[in-house]
C-alpha atoms as a PDB file:
ATOM      1  CA  MET A   1     106.347  52.361  48.476  1.00  0.00           C
ATOM      2  CA  LYS A   2     108.172  55.458  47.365  1.00  0.00           C
ATOM      3  CA  ILE A   3     105.400  58.524  47.087  1.00  0.00           C
ATOM      4  CA  LEU A   4     105.651  61.895  45.334  1.00  0.00           C
ATOM      5  CA  VAL A   5     103.423  64.824  47.052  1.00  0.00           C
ATOM      6  CA  THR A   6     103.359  67.603  44.809  1.00  0.00           C
ATOM      7  CA  GLY A   7     102.708  70.947  46.703  1.00  0.00           C
ATOM      8  CA  GLY A   8     104.194  69.100  49.601  1.00  0.00           C
ATOM      9  CA  CYS A   9     104.953  72.226  51.094  1.00  0.00           C
ATOM     10  CA  GLY A  10     101.295  73.631  50.835  1.00  0.00           C
ATOM     11  CA  PHE A  11      98.805  73.482  53.740  1.00  0.00           C
ATOM     12  CA  ILE A  12      97.521  70.063  52.899  1.00  0.00           C
ATOM     13  CA  GLY A  13     100.723  68.922  51.227  1.00  0.00           C
ATOM     14  CA  THR A  14     102.585  69.229  54.433  1.00  0.00           C
ATOM     15  CA  ASN A  15      99.588  67.490  56.421  1.00  0.00           C
ATOM     16  CA  LEU A  16      99.655  64.505  54.084  1.00  0.00           C
ATOM     17  CA  CYS A  17     103.306  64.275  53.873  1.00  0.00           C
ATOM     18  CA  LEU A  18     103.469  64.212  58.027  1.00  0.00           C
ATOM     19  CA  SER A  19     100.775  61.637  57.824  1.00  0.00           C
ATOM     20  CA  LEU A  20     102.156  59.223  55.537  1.00  0.00           C
ATOM     21  CA  LYS A  21     105.680  59.538  56.886  1.00  0.00           C
ATOM     22  CA  ALA A  22     104.031  58.453  60.276  1.00  0.00           C
ATOM     23  CA  LYS A  23     102.593  55.555  58.567  1.00  0.00           C
ATOM     24  CA  GLY A  24     105.746  54.440  57.237  1.00  0.00           C
ATOM     25  CA  TYR A  25     105.859  55.348  53.343  1.00  0.00           C
ATOM     26  CA  LYS A  26     109.109  57.256  51.702  1.00  0.00           C
ATOM     27  CA  ILE A  27     107.952  60.527  50.839  1.00  0.00           C
ATOM     28  CA  THR A  28     109.270  63.436  48.783  1.00  0.00           C
ATOM     29  CA  ALA A  29     107.691  66.451  48.488  1.00  0.00           C
ATOM     30  CA  LEU A  30     108.080  68.722  45.709  1.00  0.00           C
ATOM     31  CA  ASP A  31     107.386  72.493  45.630  1.00  0.00           C
ATOM     32  CA  ASN A  32     108.427  75.645  43.722  1.00  0.00           C
ATOM     33  CA  PHE A  33     107.697  77.745  46.779  1.00  0.00           C
ATOM     34  CA  SER A  34     105.767  80.184  45.433  1.00  0.00           C
ATOM     35  CA  LYS A  35     102.983  80.167  47.963  1.00  0.00           C
ATOM     36  CA  ASP A  36     103.301  82.248  51.180  1.00  0.00           C
ATOM     37  CA  GLY A  37     104.212  79.907  54.016  1.00  0.00           C
ATOM     38  CA  SER A  38     105.777  77.004  51.805  1.00  0.00           C
ATOM     39  CA  LYS A  39     109.026  77.960  53.211  1.00  0.00           C
ATOM     40  CA  GLU A  40     107.812  77.689  56.676  1.00  0.00           C
ATOM     41  CA  ASN A  41     106.150  74.562  56.082  1.00  0.00           C
ATOM     42  CA  ALA A  42     109.091  73.435  54.454  1.00  0.00           C
ATOM     43  CA  ASN A  43     111.025  73.750  57.752  1.00  0.00           C
ATOM     44  CA  ILE A  44     108.566  71.198  59.448  1.00  0.00           C
ATOM     45  CA  LEU A  45     109.329  68.589  56.723  1.00  0.00           C
ATOM     46  CA  ASN A  46     112.704  69.301  57.148  1.00  0.00           C
ATOM     47  CA  ARG A  47     112.890  68.392  60.662  1.00  0.00           C
ATOM     48  CA  SER A  48     110.516  65.187  59.851  1.00  0.00           C
ATOM     49  CA  LYS A  49     113.557  64.309  57.827  1.00  0.00           C
ATOM     50  CA  ILE A  50     111.338  64.410  54.549  1.00  0.00           C
ATOM     51  CA  PRO A  51     113.098  64.944  51.288  1.00  0.00           C
ATOM     52  CA  ILE A  52     112.116  68.303  49.339  1.00  0.00           C
ATOM     53  CA  TRP A  53     112.546  68.280  45.491  1.00  0.00           C
ATOM     54  CA  GLY A  54     112.827  72.026  44.521  1.00  0.00           C
ATOM     55  CA  TYR A  55     110.727  72.071  41.280  1.00  0.00           C
ATOM     56  CA  ASP A  56     108.185  74.018  38.839  1.00  0.00           C
ATOM     57  CA  LEU A  57     105.558  71.665  37.218  1.00  0.00           C
ATOM     58  CA  ARG A  58     105.172  74.237  34.848  1.00  0.00           C
ATOM     59  CA  LYS A  59     108.156  72.344  32.893  1.00  0.00           C
ATOM     60  CA  GLN A  60     107.678  68.541  32.712  1.00  0.00           C
ATOM     61  CA  ILE A  61     109.573  66.265  35.267  1.00  0.00           C
ATOM     62  CA  PRO A  62     112.558  64.295  33.061  1.00  0.00           C
ATOM     63  CA  LYS A  63     111.640  60.767  33.015  1.00  0.00           C
ATOM     64  CA  GLU A  64     114.823  59.320  34.403  1.00  0.00           C
ATOM     65  CA  LYS A  65     114.281  61.486  37.582  1.00  0.00           C
ATOM     66  CA  PHE A  66     110.668  60.232  38.282  1.00  0.00           C
ATOM     67  CA  LYS A  67     111.354  57.005  40.420  1.00  0.00           C
ATOM     68  CA  PHE A  68     107.917  56.685  42.277  1.00  0.00           C
ATOM     69  CA  ASP A  69     105.358  54.152  42.589  1.00  0.00           C
ATOM     70  CA  ALA A  70     102.239  56.803  43.222  1.00  0.00           C
ATOM     71  CA  VAL A  71     101.439  60.538  43.318  1.00  0.00           C
ATOM     72  CA  PHE A  72      99.305  62.990  45.202  1.00  0.00           C
ATOM     73  CA  HIS A  73      98.976  65.982  42.956  1.00  0.00           C
ATOM     74  CA  LEU A  74      98.161  68.907  45.100  1.00  0.00           C
ATOM     75  CA  ALA A  75     100.364  71.381  43.192  1.00  0.00           C
ATOM     76  CA  GLY A  76      98.437  74.471  41.683  1.00  0.00           C
ATOM     77  CA  ASN A  77      97.248  77.762  42.404  1.00  0.00           C
ATOM     78  CA  GLY A  78      95.275  77.852  45.843  1.00  0.00           C
ATOM     79  CA  SER A  79      93.702  81.480  45.474  1.00  0.00           C
ATOM     80  CA  THR A  80      90.466  82.777  43.462  1.00  0.00           C
ATOM     81  CA  PRO A  81      91.452  86.269  43.863  1.00  0.00           C
ATOM     82  CA  LYS A  82      95.094  85.547  42.677  1.00  0.00           C
ATOM     83  CA  SER A  83      93.590  83.806  39.591  1.00  0.00           C
ATOM     84  CA  ILE A  84      91.378  87.072  38.659  1.00  0.00           C
ATOM     85  CA  LYS A  85      94.560  89.077  39.031  1.00  0.00           C
ATOM     86  CA  ASP A  86      96.849  86.762  37.100  1.00  0.00           C
ATOM     87  CA  PRO A  87      95.004  84.203  35.130  1.00  0.00           C
ATOM     88  CA  TYR A  88      97.713  83.384  32.867  1.00  0.00           C
ATOM     89  CA  GLY A  89     100.045  82.307  36.163  1.00  0.00           C
ATOM     90  CA  ASP A  90      96.978  80.469  37.321  1.00  0.00           C
ATOM     91  CA  PHE A  91      96.380  78.373  34.072  1.00  0.00           C
ATOM     92  CA  LEU A  92     100.548  77.660  34.070  1.00  0.00           C
ATOM     93  CA  ASP A  93     100.272  76.469  37.625  1.00  0.00           C
ATOM     94  CA  THR A  94      97.164  74.331  37.976  1.00  0.00           C
ATOM     95  CA  ALA A  95      96.236  73.269  34.455  1.00  0.00           C
ATOM     96  CA  LEU A  96      99.647  72.901  32.577  1.00  0.00           C
ATOM     97  CA  GLY A  97     101.121  71.489  35.961  1.00  0.00           C
ATOM     98  CA  THR A  98      98.907  68.988  35.973  1.00  0.00           C
ATOM     99  CA  LEU A  99      99.096  68.201  32.449  1.00  0.00           C
ATOM    100  CA  ASN A 100     102.670  67.596  32.918  1.00  0.00           C
ATOM    101  CA  ILE A 101     102.216  65.191  35.736  1.00  0.00           C
ATOM    102  CA  LEU A 102      99.924  63.184  33.796  1.00  0.00           C
ATOM    103  CA  GLU A 103     102.342  63.082  31.043  1.00  0.00           C
ATOM    104  CA  THR A 104     104.688  61.957  33.454  1.00  0.00           C
ATOM    105  CA  VAL A 105     102.784  59.412  34.649  1.00  0.00           C
ATOM    106  CA  ARG A 106     101.337  58.122  31.477  1.00  0.00           C
ATOM    107  CA  THR A 107     104.233  55.450  30.374  1.00  0.00           C
ATOM    108  CA  ASN A 108     104.246  53.551  33.635  1.00  0.00           C
ATOM    109  CA  LYS A 109     100.191  53.834  34.713  1.00  0.00           C
ATOM    110  CA  THR A 110     101.529  55.419  38.020  1.00  0.00           C
ATOM    111  CA  PRO A 111      98.703  55.730  40.420  1.00  0.00           C
ATOM    112  CA  LEU A 112      97.666  59.460  40.786  1.00  0.00           C
ATOM    113  CA  VAL A 113      95.489  61.145  43.270  1.00  0.00           C
ATOM    114  CA  TYR A 114      94.122  64.907  42.144  1.00  0.00           C
ATOM    115  CA  THR A 115      93.132  67.553  44.196  1.00  0.00           C
ATOM    116  CA  SER A 116      90.355  69.477  42.166  1.00  0.00           C
ATOM    117  CA  THR A 117      87.814  72.018  43.617  1.00  0.00           C
ATOM    118  CA  CYS A 118      84.462  72.621  43.981  1.00  0.00           C
ATOM    119  CA  LYS A 119      84.689  75.866  41.867  1.00  0.00           C
ATOM    120  CA  ILE A 120      84.702  73.924  38.995  1.00  0.00           C
ATOM    121  CA  TYR A 121      81.095  74.517  39.609  1.00  0.00           C
ATOM    122  CA  SER A 122      79.776  77.854  38.315  1.00  0.00           C
ATOM    123  CA  SER A 123      77.896  80.747  39.924  1.00  0.00           C
ATOM    124  CA  GLU A 124      75.234  79.078  38.438  1.00  0.00           C
ATOM    125  CA  LEU A 125      74.675  77.430  41.603  1.00  0.00           C
ATOM    126  CA  ASN A 126      73.086  80.943  42.791  1.00  0.00           C
ATOM    127  CA  ILE A 127      70.034  80.571  40.903  1.00  0.00           C
ATOM    128  CA  VAL A 128      68.873  77.907  43.455  1.00  0.00           C
ATOM    129  CA  PRO A 129      66.657  80.033  45.364  1.00  0.00           C
ATOM    130  CA  THR A 130      67.570  80.806  48.916  1.00  0.00           C
ATOM    131  CA  LYS A 131      66.065  82.266  52.039  1.00  0.00           C
ATOM    132  CA  VAL A 132      68.289  84.713  54.100  1.00  0.00           C
ATOM    133  CA  THR A 133      68.505  84.865  58.208  1.00  0.00           C
ATOM    134  CA  GLU A 134      70.413  86.896  60.623  1.00  0.00           C
ATOM    135  CA  THR A 135      73.809  84.609  59.900  1.00  0.00           C
ATOM    136  CA  ARG A 136      73.324  82.471  56.489  1.00  0.00           C
ATOM    137  CA  TYR A 137      71.763  81.452  53.344  1.00  0.00           C
ATOM    138  CA  ILE A 138      69.512  78.631  53.138  1.00  0.00           C
ATOM    139  CA  TRP A 139      68.238  76.930  50.491  1.00  0.00           C
ATOM    140  CA  ASN A 140      64.554  77.051  49.414  1.00  0.00           C
ATOM    141  CA  PHE A 141      63.390  74.148  47.777  1.00  0.00           C
ATOM    142  CA  LYS A 142      59.753  75.078  48.255  1.00  0.00           C
ATOM    143  CA  SER A 143      59.779  78.416  46.293  1.00  0.00           C
ATOM    144  CA  PRO A 144      58.200  78.412  42.915  1.00  0.00           C
ATOM    145  CA  LEU A 145      61.403  79.646  41.486  1.00  0.00           C
ATOM    146  CA  TYR A 146      62.941  76.183  42.036  1.00  0.00           C
ATOM    147  CA  LYS A 147      60.679  74.397  39.745  1.00  0.00           C
ATOM    148  CA  LYS A 148      61.904  76.514  36.593  1.00  0.00           C
ATOM    149  CA  LEU A 149      65.602  75.700  36.780  1.00  0.00           C
ATOM    150  CA  ARG A 150      66.745  73.053  34.503  1.00  0.00           C
ATOM    151  CA  LEU A 151      66.628  69.797  35.084  1.00  0.00           C
ATOM    152  CA  SER A 152      70.562  69.080  35.607  1.00  0.00           C
ATOM    153  CA  ILE A 153      70.494  71.557  38.346  1.00  0.00           C
ATOM    154  CA  LYS A 154      67.447  70.143  40.366  1.00  0.00           C
ATOM    155  CA  GLU A 155      69.018  66.453  39.814  1.00  0.00           C
ATOM    156  CA  ALA A 156      72.278  67.596  41.520  1.00  0.00           C
ATOM    157  CA  VAL A 157      71.029  70.059  44.165  1.00  0.00           C
ATOM    158  CA  SER A 158      69.471  68.713  47.539  1.00  0.00           C
ATOM    159  CA  LYS A 159      69.117  68.630  51.235  1.00  0.00           C
ATOM    160  CA  PHE A 160      72.475  66.822  51.177  1.00  0.00           C
ATOM    161  CA  GLY A 161      74.787  69.362  49.164  1.00  0.00           C
ATOM    162  CA  VAL A 162      75.981  69.264  45.613  1.00  0.00           C
ATOM    163  CA  ASN A 163      76.552  66.311  43.728  1.00  0.00           C
ATOM    164  CA  GLU A 164      79.250  65.031  41.213  1.00  0.00           C
ATOM    165  CA  TYR A 165      76.495  65.949  38.725  1.00  0.00           C
ATOM    166  CA  PHE A 166      76.013  69.601  38.830  1.00  0.00           C
ATOM    167  CA  PRO A 167      77.124  70.817  35.132  1.00  0.00           C
ATOM    168  CA  VAL A 168      80.423  72.043  35.106  1.00  0.00           C
ATOM    169  CA  ASP A 169      79.483  74.056  31.633  1.00  0.00           C
ATOM    170  CA  SER A 170      77.389  76.723  32.356  1.00  0.00           C
ATOM    171  CA  VAL A 171      76.876  77.905  28.855  1.00  0.00           C
ATOM    172  CA  GLY A 172      78.254  80.870  28.881  1.00  0.00           C
ATOM    173  CA  LYS A 173      75.566  82.152  31.197  1.00  0.00           C
ATOM    174  CA  PHE A 174      77.572  82.110  34.586  1.00  0.00           C
ATOM    175  CA  ALA A 175      81.295  82.730  35.698  1.00  0.00           C
ATOM    176  CA  HIS A 176      83.673  80.282  37.369  1.00  0.00           C
ATOM    177  CA  ALA A 177      86.709  82.873  38.056  1.00  0.00           C
ATOM    178  CA  PRO A 178      89.956  81.572  36.494  1.00  0.00           C
ATOM    179  CA  TYR A 179      90.650  79.425  39.392  1.00  0.00           C
ATOM    180  CA  GLY A 180      87.926  77.103  38.687  1.00  0.00           C
ATOM    181  CA  VAL A 181      88.449  76.966  34.889  1.00  0.00           C
ATOM    182  CA  SER A 182      92.109  75.885  35.514  1.00  0.00           C
ATOM    183  CA  HIS A 183      91.258  73.103  37.765  1.00  0.00           C
ATOM    184  CA  ALA A 184      88.629  71.956  35.473  1.00  0.00           C
ATOM    185  CA  THR A 185      90.710  71.693  32.753  1.00  0.00           C
ATOM    186  CA  GLY A 186      92.894  69.499  34.962  1.00  0.00           C
ATOM    187  CA  ASP A 187      89.832  68.001  36.173  1.00  0.00           C
ATOM    188  CA  LEU A 188      88.971  67.025  32.597  1.00  0.00           C
ATOM    189  CA  TYR A 189      92.451  65.986  31.642  1.00  0.00           C
ATOM    190  CA  CYS A 190      92.427  63.519  34.502  1.00  0.00           C
ATOM    191  CA  GLN A 191      88.977  61.751  33.369  1.00  0.00           C
ATOM    192  CA  GLU A 192      90.453  61.643  29.782  1.00  0.00           C
ATOM    193  CA  TYR A 193      93.836  60.186  30.692  1.00  0.00           C
ATOM    194  CA  PHE A 194      92.057  57.489  32.540  1.00  0.00           C
ATOM    195  CA  LEU A 195      89.739  56.811  29.456  1.00  0.00           C
ATOM    196  CA  MET A 196      92.376  57.283  26.898  1.00  0.00           C
ATOM    197  CA  TYR A 197      95.408  55.939  28.265  1.00  0.00           C
ATOM    198  CA  GLN A 198      94.171  54.128  31.275  1.00  0.00           C
ATOM    199  CA  VAL A 199      95.924  55.665  33.821  1.00  0.00           C
ATOM    200  CA  PRO A 200      94.644  54.765  37.165  1.00  0.00           C
ATOM    201  CA  VAL A 201      93.506  58.493  38.493  1.00  0.00           C
ATOM    202  CA  VAL A 202      90.564  59.532  41.034  1.00  0.00           C
ATOM    203  CA  ILE A 203      89.767  63.140  41.613  1.00  0.00           C
ATOM    204  CA  ASN A 204      88.706  64.914  44.275  1.00  0.00           C
ATOM    205  CA  ARG A 205      86.629  68.041  44.091  1.00  0.00           C
ATOM    206  CA  MET A 206      87.074  69.541  47.349  1.00  0.00           C
ATOM    207  CA  SER A 207      84.996  72.065  49.426  1.00  0.00           C
ATOM    208  CA  THR A 208      86.764  74.097  52.420  1.00  0.00           C
ATOM    209  CA  ILE A 209      89.554  72.173  54.255  1.00  0.00           C
ATOM    210  CA  TYR A 210      90.783  73.425  57.204  1.00  0.00           C
ATOM    211  CA  GLY A 211      93.647  72.415  59.494  1.00  0.00           C
ATOM    212  CA  PHE A 212      97.166  72.831  61.002  1.00  0.00           C
ATOM    213  CA  TYR A 213     100.217  74.689  58.752  1.00  0.00           C
ATOM    214  CA  GLN A 214      97.400  76.386  56.555  1.00  0.00           C
ATOM    215  CA  GLN A 215      99.154  80.144  57.054  1.00  0.00           C
ATOM    216  CA  GLY A 216      95.470  81.426  56.299  1.00  0.00           C
ATOM    217  CA  SER A 217      94.870  84.514  54.898  1.00  0.00           C
ATOM    218  CA  GLU A 218      91.890  86.945  53.634  1.00  0.00           C
ATOM    219  CA  ASN A 219      92.431  85.270  50.004  1.00  0.00           C
ATOM    220  CA  GLN A 220      92.608  81.597  50.829  1.00  0.00           C
ATOM    221  CA  GLY A 221      92.174  79.476  54.345  1.00  0.00           C
ATOM    222  CA  PHE A 222      89.256  81.612  55.818  1.00  0.00           C
ATOM    223  CA  ILE A 223      88.659  79.638  58.781  1.00  0.00           C
ATOM    224  CA  ASP A 224      92.652  79.879  59.857  1.00  0.00           C
ATOM    225  CA  TRP A 225      92.891  83.352  59.187  1.00  0.00           C
ATOM    226  CA  MET A 226      89.443  84.031  61.050  1.00  0.00           C
ATOM    227  CA  VAL A 227      90.927  82.210  64.196  1.00  0.00           C
ATOM    228  CA  LYS A 228      94.321  83.840  63.979  1.00  0.00           C
ATOM    229  CA  SER A 229      92.301  87.267  63.636  1.00  0.00           C
ATOM    230  CA  LYS A 230      90.207  86.740  66.638  1.00  0.00           C
ATOM    231  CA  ILE A 231      93.618  85.727  68.980  1.00  0.00           C
ATOM    232  CA  LYS A 232      94.992  88.705  67.886  1.00  0.00           C
ATOM    233  CA  ASN A 233      91.892  90.994  68.548  1.00  0.00           C
ATOM    234  CA  GLU A 234      91.944  92.684  65.095  1.00  0.00           C
ATOM    235  CA  SER A 235      88.956  94.098  63.190  1.00  0.00           C
ATOM    236  CA  LEU A 236      88.413  92.687  59.573  1.00  0.00           C
ATOM    237  CA  ASN A 237      87.519  94.488  56.212  1.00  0.00           C
ATOM    238  CA  LEU A 238      85.684  91.443  54.443  1.00  0.00           C
ATOM    239  CA  GLU A 239      84.591  90.951  51.157  1.00  0.00           C
ATOM    240  CA  THR A 240      81.192  89.281  51.426  1.00  0.00           C
ATOM    241  CA  ASN A 241      78.418  89.489  53.467  1.00  0.00           C
ATOM    242  CA  GLY A 242      79.515  87.201  55.678  1.00  0.00           C
ATOM    243  CA  LYS A 243      76.532  85.073  54.830  1.00  0.00           C
ATOM    244  CA  SER A 244      77.831  82.565  52.605  1.00  0.00           C
ATOM    245  CA  VAL A 245      77.605  78.856  53.304  1.00  0.00           C
ATOM    246  CA  ARG A 246      80.346  76.446  53.344  1.00  0.00           C
ATOM    247  CA  ASP A 247      80.866  72.832  54.693  1.00  0.00           C
ATOM    248  CA  ILE A 248      84.222  72.343  56.126  1.00  0.00           C
ATOM    249  CA  LEU A 249      86.407  69.621  56.620  1.00  0.00           C
ATOM    250  CA  TRP A 250      89.271  68.852  58.907  1.00  0.00           C
ATOM    251  CA  VAL A 251      92.455  68.168  57.220  1.00  0.00           C
ATOM    252  CA  ASP A 252      93.325  64.805  58.555  1.00  0.00           C
ATOM    253  CA  ASP A 253      90.145  63.407  57.884  1.00  0.00           C
ATOM    254  CA  LEU A 254      90.950  64.268  54.036  1.00  0.00           C
ATOM    255  CA  THR A 255      94.530  62.725  54.488  1.00  0.00           C
ATOM    256  CA  ASP A 256      92.833  59.462  55.702  1.00  0.00           C
ATOM    257  CA  LEU A 257      90.728  59.392  52.751  1.00  0.00           C
ATOM    258  CA  PHE A 258      93.630  60.295  50.527  1.00  0.00           C
ATOM    259  CA  LEU A 259      95.226  57.428  51.752  1.00  0.00           C
ATOM    260  CA  GLU A 260      92.566  55.195  51.432  1.00  0.00           C
ATOM    261  CA  GLU A 261      92.126  56.069  47.664  1.00  0.00           C
ATOM    262  CA  LEU A 262      95.560  55.095  46.849  1.00  0.00           C
ATOM    263  CA  VAL A 263      94.969  51.722  48.792  1.00  0.00           C
ATOM    264  CA  GLN A 264      92.003  50.903  46.657  1.00  0.00           C
ATOM    265  CA  ILE A 265      93.079  52.614  43.686  1.00  0.00           C
ATOM    266  CA  ALA A 266      91.862  49.775  41.389  1.00  0.00           C
ATOM    267  CA  LYS A 267      88.199  50.319  43.119  1.00  0.00           C
ATOM    268  CA  VAL A 268      88.163  53.913  42.791  1.00  0.00           C
ATOM    269  CA  LYS A 269      90.425  54.832  39.674  1.00  0.00           C
ATOM    270  CA  GLY A 270      88.378  56.941  37.034  1.00  0.00           C
ATOM    271  CA  ASN A 271      86.083  58.018  39.747  1.00  0.00           C
ATOM    272  CA  VAL A 272      85.333  61.630  40.460  1.00  0.00           C
ATOM    273  CA  PHE A 273      84.385  62.645  44.185  1.00  0.00           C
ATOM    274  CA  ASN A 274      83.031  65.611  45.665  1.00  0.00           C
ATOM    275  CA  ILE A 275      84.796  65.899  49.032  1.00  0.00           C
ATOM    276  CA  GLY A 276      83.718  67.847  51.703  1.00  0.00           C
ATOM    277  CA  GLY A 277      82.262  68.025  55.742  1.00  0.00           C
ATOM    278  CA  GLY A 278      78.874  67.566  54.182  1.00  0.00           C
ATOM    279  CA  ASN A 279      75.801  69.007  55.405  1.00  0.00           C
ATOM    280  CA  LYS A 280      76.304  68.304  59.097  1.00  0.00           C
ATOM    281  CA  ASN A 281      79.344  70.720  59.147  1.00  0.00           C
ATOM    282  CA  THR A 282      78.268  73.919  57.354  1.00  0.00           C
ATOM    283  CA  ILE A 283      79.854  77.236  58.754  1.00  0.00           C
ATOM    284  CA  THR A 284      79.357  81.080  57.692  1.00  0.00           C
ATOM    285  CA  ILE A 285      82.031  83.760  58.448  1.00  0.00           C
ATOM    286  CA  ARG A 286      79.054  85.339  60.793  1.00  0.00           C
ATOM    287  CA  GLU A 287      78.487  82.000  62.715  1.00  0.00           C
ATOM    288  CA  THR A 288      82.366  81.520  63.093  1.00  0.00           C
ATOM    289  CA  PHE A 289      83.215  84.879  64.596  1.00  0.00           C
ATOM    290  CA  LYS A 290      79.879  84.439  66.807  1.00  0.00           C
ATOM    291  CA  TYR A 291      81.467  81.302  68.173  1.00  0.00           C
ATOM    292  CA  LEU A 292      84.996  82.713  68.424  1.00  0.00           C
ATOM    293  CA  ASP A 293      83.315  85.770  70.341  1.00  0.00           C
ATOM    294  CA  SER A 294      81.591  83.354  72.512  1.00  0.00           C
ATOM    295  CA  LYS A 295      85.144  81.472  73.564  1.00  0.00           C
ATOM    296  CA  TYR A 296      87.207  84.721  73.628  1.00  0.00           C
ATOM    297  CA  GLY A 297      84.649  87.319  74.883  1.00  0.00           C
ATOM    298  CA  GLY A 298      84.178  90.464  73.013  1.00  0.00           C
ATOM    299  CA  ARG A 299      82.553  91.359  70.083  1.00  0.00           C
ATOM    300  CA  THR A 300      84.663  91.303  66.574  1.00  0.00           C
ATOM    301  CA  LYS A 301      84.423  94.604  64.671  1.00  0.00           C
ATOM    302  CA  LEU A 302      83.630  93.227  60.935  1.00  0.00           C
ATOM    303  CA  LYS A 303      82.977  95.482  57.763  1.00  0.00           C
ATOM    304  CA  PHE A 304      81.290  93.698  55.307  1.00  0.00           C
ATOM    305  CA  GLY A 305      81.357  93.985  51.443  1.00  0.00           C
ATOM    306  CA  PRO A 306      79.661  93.319  48.129  1.00  0.00           C
ATOM    307  CA  GLY A 307      81.105  89.664  47.384  1.00  0.00           C
ATOM    308  CA  ARG A 308      83.673  88.501  45.226  1.00  0.00           C
ATOM    309  CA  PRO A 309      83.014  87.659  41.407  1.00  0.00           C
ATOM    310  CA  ALA A 310      81.617  84.320  40.740  1.00  0.00           C
ATOM    311  CA  ASP A 311      81.170  83.652  44.569  1.00  0.00           C
ATOM    312  CA  GLN A 312      78.778  80.684  45.600  1.00  0.00           C
ATOM    313  CA  LYS A 313      76.287  82.264  48.042  1.00  0.00           C
ATOM    314  CA  ILE A 314      75.873  78.367  49.435  1.00  0.00           C
ATOM    315  CA  TYR A 315      78.447  75.196  48.658  1.00  0.00           C
ATOM    316  CA  ILE A 316      77.303  72.109  50.730  1.00  0.00           C
ATOM    317  CA  THR A 317      79.437  68.773  49.960  1.00  0.00           C
ATOM    318  CA  ASP A 318      77.003  66.056  49.428  1.00  0.00           C
ATOM    319  CA  ILE A 319      79.501  63.146  49.987  1.00  0.00           C
ATOM    320  CA  ARG A 320      77.258  60.220  49.643  1.00  0.00           C
ATOM    321  CA  LYS A 321      79.124  58.669  46.829  1.00  0.00           C
ATOM    322  CA  VAL A 322      82.534  58.803  48.538  1.00  0.00           C
ATOM    323  CA  LYS A 323      80.933  57.502  51.868  1.00  0.00           C
ATOM    324  CA  LYS A 324      79.545  54.481  49.730  1.00  0.00           C
ATOM    325  CA  THR A 325      82.298  53.857  47.793  1.00  0.00           C
ATOM    326  CA  LEU A 326      84.917  53.618  50.538  1.00  0.00           C
ATOM    327  CA  ASN A 327      82.960  54.047  53.877  1.00  0.00           C
ATOM    328  CA  TRP A 328      84.442  57.536  54.426  1.00  0.00           C
ATOM    329  CA  SER A 329      83.029  59.805  56.428  1.00  0.00           C
ATOM    330  CA  PRO A 330      84.439  63.158  58.300  1.00  0.00           C
ATOM    331  CA  LYS A 331      85.215  62.452  62.031  1.00  0.00           C
ATOM    332  CA  THR A 332      85.947  66.179  63.185  1.00  0.00           C
ATOM    333  CA  SER A 333      82.946  68.318  63.580  1.00  0.00           C
ATOM    334  CA  ALA A 334      83.301  71.933  62.424  1.00  0.00           C
ATOM    335  CA  TYR A 335      83.099  73.526  65.806  1.00  0.00           C
ATOM    336  CA  ASN A 336      85.464  70.672  67.387  1.00  0.00           C
ATOM    337  CA  GLY A 337      87.913  71.375  64.514  1.00  0.00           C
ATOM    338  CA  ILE A 338      87.929  75.244  65.505  1.00  0.00           C
ATOM    339  CA  ASP A 339      88.408  74.505  69.032  1.00  0.00           C
ATOM    340  CA  ARG A 340      91.622  72.335  68.048  1.00  0.00           C
ATOM    341  CA  LEU A 341      92.877  75.401  65.913  1.00  0.00           C
ATOM    342  CA  LEU A 342      92.327  77.612  68.989  1.00  0.00           C
ATOM    343  CA  ASN A 343      94.183  75.391  71.307  1.00  0.00           C
ATOM    344  CA  TRP A 344      97.137  74.840  68.572  1.00  0.00           C
ATOM    345  CA  TYR A 345      97.540  78.602  68.383  1.00  0.00           C
ATOM    346  CA  LYS A 346      98.204  78.818  72.037  1.00  0.00           C
ATOM    347  CA  MET A 347     100.472  76.082  72.065  1.00  0.00           C
ATOM    348  CA  PRO A 348     104.537  76.403  70.959  1.00  0.00           C
ATOM    349  CA  LYS A 349     105.144  75.191  67.596  1.00  0.00           C
ATOM    350  CA  PRO A 350     107.336  72.136  66.503  1.00  0.00           C
END
C-alpha cells in the first residue's frame, strides 16, 4: 500500500512515517517546510530512506501526481498564537489545505485519516464551574452554577472528560481563536465529503500530543519545551498561571491508533473521535515542573502571566467512544512519557 502523509516532516508526521515504514508500508512525506524543525525532521526521514515531496497544499495536487492508496492528513498550522497573529495564513494552511486534499481524494474515494483538534471547542468550556488548588483547576459538578448550564454542555462534560457532542458553535459568545476556527472548517468539510461524496474519512479531534522529534517551543509542544528548559536549567516566562489542565498522549500511542483506523476504515469512516490521554493522564505546567524538579533537583524559576486568548482552563478528553469502537486506549502514562523524553534528550540523536 502506498501512503501519503501530509505534514510528514512535522512532529506527528515524522513519528507516523517512521512507524509505517517499519511496518512495511511505502510512505511518501509531503511538507512545505514552513514549521520550525521540519528541515531537521526531514534529515531523519532521509536517513530512513523515506521519500519527501516538497509541496504547498495551498494549491491543489495535480491528479496525475496523486498515486496513493491512502492519506494521513496532518498538514496545517499547529500554533494558536501564530493563528492570532496571522489568521489569513492560518486559514490557507489549515482550512484551504484540507479542502484541497479532500478534492484530491474525492474522485477515487481514497481513504483519509484527518487530524483535527480539541480547539474546535470554544472557551465556553470555561463556564463549567471549577475549584482551584495549588497546582490545577478541577471541575466542580456540585456547584449550583453547574445546574444553570445549557443542556448540551452538561451532556458533553463529565468526570470522563469532554465527549464528541460538545457544541462547536458557541453562538457568538465564546472565542475559539482562529486556530480552532480553521480546524473546525476542515473538520466540517471532512464530515460533508463523507456524507455528500462518500469519501471514507475519519476525523480525530486531538488533545495534547507529545513525544520524540517535536521541536517544542513556547507556542506549541509545551511538554517537550518544558523538558528541554529543565535540562538547560532555564527560567521561564509563561503566558498562563500554570494551572490549566490537559490530558496528554504519547505519540506512539497515537500513531498506533491512526494505523488501526486505516486498517478498519470501513468500520470507522464518517466517525468523529476525541483523542487524547484521557482522564488518567492529566497534567498541568506546575505539576510538570514539580516532577522535573524532583528528578533534576533545584526549583525552576517560573514567571506566570494572565493567560492566552480563548484558552481552556481544563480540557480532558473523553476517550470512551474510540475505546469502544476500536478497543484502543493509551499505553504510556503521562509521567512515564516524560521520563522517556528526559532519557532521550540525554542520548545522542540518530
